[in-house]
């Protein structure tokens, strides 16, 4: 889905996508582009819940999985 960027650098996200995200997002630079990740309502609580479920993996493995999942979700 296409999004427009104006002369001031603002990104206009199409309505179908805006309905699925919160008003605040994290902009993450990934290989080949920028990934917008919705900010959770309570980031600390969400991280605690995620931390309890984490298997023993390296940070590199986690980063790869997160990037892959995020790209799959936006396609």
C-alpha atoms as a PDB file:
ATOM      1  CA  UNK A   1       0.000   0.000   0.000  1.00  0.00           C
ATOM      2  CA  UNK A   2       1.362   3.401  -0.958  1.00  0.00           C
ATOM      3  CA  UNK A   3       1.809   6.287   1.473  1.00  0.00           C
ATOM      4  CA  UNK A   4       2.677   9.873   0.575  1.00  0.00           C
ATOM      5  CA  UNK A   5       5.430  12.018   2.080  1.00  0.00           C
ATOM      6  CA  UNK A   6       5.041  15.793   1.909  1.00  0.00           C
ATOM      7  CA  UNK A   7       7.778  18.428   1.552  1.00  0.00           C
ATOM      8  CA  UNK A   8       8.119  18.644   5.349  1.00  0.00           C
ATOM      9  CA  UNK A   9       8.707  14.901   5.699  1.00  0.00           C
ATOM     10  CA  UNK A  10       5.276  13.999   7.056  1.00  0.00           C
ATOM     11  CA  UNK A  11       3.993  10.596   6.047  1.00  0.00           C
ATOM     12  CA  UNK A  12       0.328  10.254   5.134  1.00  0.00           C
ATOM     13  CA  UNK A  13      -0.774   6.743   6.019  1.00  0.00           C
ATOM     14  CA  UNK A  14      -3.761   5.347   4.098  1.00  0.00           C
ATOM     15  CA  UNK A  15      -6.985   5.094   6.119  1.00  0.00           C
ATOM     16  CA  UNK A  16      -7.170   1.257   6.189  1.00  0.00           C
ATOM     17  CA  UNK A  17      -3.756   1.179   7.889  1.00  0.00           C
ATOM     18  CA  UNK A  18      -4.464   4.108  10.230  1.00  0.00           C
ATOM     19  CA  UNK A  19      -7.406   2.184  11.678  1.00  0.00           C
ATOM     20  CA  UNK A  20      -5.048  -0.649  12.673  1.00  0.00           C
ATOM     21  CA  UNK A  21      -2.405   1.422  14.473  1.00  0.00           C
ATOM     22  CA  UNK A  22      -2.356   3.675  17.518  1.00  0.00           C
ATOM     23  CA  UNK A  23      -1.746   7.420  17.348  1.00  0.00           C
ATOM     24  CA  UNK A  24       1.918   6.912  18.247  1.00  0.00           C
ATOM     25  CA  UNK A  25       4.362   4.652  16.439  1.00  0.00           C
ATOM     26  CA  UNK A  26       8.038   3.795  16.666  1.00  0.00           C
ATOM     27  CA  UNK A  27       9.952   4.429  13.445  1.00  0.00           C
ATOM     28  CA  UNK A  28      12.592   1.738  13.035  1.00  0.00           C
ATOM     29  CA  UNK A  29      15.180   1.796  10.291  1.00  0.00           C
ATOM     30  CA  UNK A  30      15.532  -1.669   8.758  1.00  0.00           C
ATOM     31  CA  UNK A  31      17.455  -2.939   5.785  1.00  0.00           C
ATOM     32  CA  UNK A  32      15.745  -1.476   2.753  1.00  0.00           C
ATOM     33  CA  UNK A  33      13.353   0.922   4.481  1.00  0.00           C
ATOM     34  CA  UNK A  34      11.586   2.191   7.555  1.00  0.00           C
ATOM     35  CA  UNK A  35       9.251   0.146   9.710  1.00  0.00           C
ATOM     36  CA  UNK A  36       6.453   1.805  11.718  1.00  0.00           C
ATOM     37  CA  UNK A  37       5.543  -0.163  14.851  1.00  0.00           C
ATOM     38  CA  UNK A  38       2.471   0.843  16.898  1.00  0.00           C
ATOM     39  CA  UNK A  39       3.319   1.983  20.437  1.00  0.00           C
ATOM     40  CA  UNK A  40       1.656  -0.243  23.064  1.00  0.00           C
ATOM     41  CA  UNK A  41      -0.669   1.410  25.599  1.00  0.00           C
ATOM     42  CA  UNK A  42       1.590   0.258  28.459  1.00  0.00           C
ATOM     43  CA  UNK A  43       5.072  -0.506  27.046  1.00  0.00           C
ATOM     44  CA  UNK A  44       6.560  -1.573  30.392  1.00  0.00           C
ATOM     45  CA  UNK A  45       3.776  -4.066  31.093  1.00  0.00           C
ATOM     46  CA  UNK A  46       4.033  -5.462  27.577  1.00  0.00           C
ATOM     47  CA  UNK A  47       7.808  -5.890  27.895  1.00  0.00           C
ATOM     48  CA  UNK A  48       7.378  -7.690  31.233  1.00  0.00           C
ATOM     49  CA  UNK A  49       4.888 -10.102  29.669  1.00  0.00           C
ATOM     50  CA  UNK A  50       7.143 -10.701  26.687  1.00  0.00           C
ATOM     51  CA  UNK A  51      10.160 -11.203  28.949  1.00  0.00           C
ATOM     52  CA  UNK A  52       8.426 -14.003  30.838  1.00  0.00           C
ATOM     53  CA  UNK A  53       7.864 -15.926  27.614  1.00  0.00           C
ATOM     54  CA  UNK A  54      11.309 -15.449  26.061  1.00  0.00           C
ATOM     55  CA  UNK A  55      13.329 -18.548  25.250  1.00  0.00           C
ATOM     56  CA  UNK A  56      17.074 -18.414  25.655  1.00  0.00           C
ATOM     57  CA  UNK A  57      18.283 -16.738  22.470  1.00  0.00           C
ATOM     58  CA  UNK A  58      20.912 -14.205  21.520  1.00  0.00           C
ATOM     59  CA  UNK A  59      19.999 -10.575  20.921  1.00  0.00           C
ATOM     60  CA  UNK A  60      20.929 -11.058  17.273  1.00  0.00           C
ATOM     61  CA  UNK A  61      18.422 -13.936  16.943  1.00  0.00           C
ATOM     62  CA  UNK A  62      15.684 -11.862  18.602  1.00  0.00           C
ATOM     63  CA  UNK A  63      16.369  -8.867  16.360  1.00  0.00           C
ATOM     64  CA  UNK A  64      16.147 -11.051  13.237  1.00  0.00           C
ATOM     65  CA  UNK A  65      12.842 -12.593  14.386  1.00  0.00           C
ATOM     66  CA  UNK A  66      11.344  -9.192  15.270  1.00  0.00           C
ATOM     67  CA  UNK A  67      12.276  -7.696  11.897  1.00  0.00           C
ATOM     68  CA  UNK A  68      10.903 -10.715  10.015  1.00  0.00           C
ATOM     69  CA  UNK A  69       7.630 -10.699  11.963  1.00  0.00           C
ATOM     70  CA  UNK A  70       7.149  -6.962  11.514  1.00  0.00           C
ATOM     71  CA  UNK A  71       7.745  -7.165   7.766  1.00  0.00           C
ATOM     72  CA  UNK A  72       5.296 -10.098   7.482  1.00  0.00           C
ATOM     73  CA  UNK A  73       2.630  -8.143   9.369  1.00  0.00           C
ATOM     74  CA  UNK A  74       2.834  -5.136   7.076  1.00  0.00           C
ATOM     75  CA  UNK A  75       2.720  -7.124   3.834  1.00  0.00           C
END
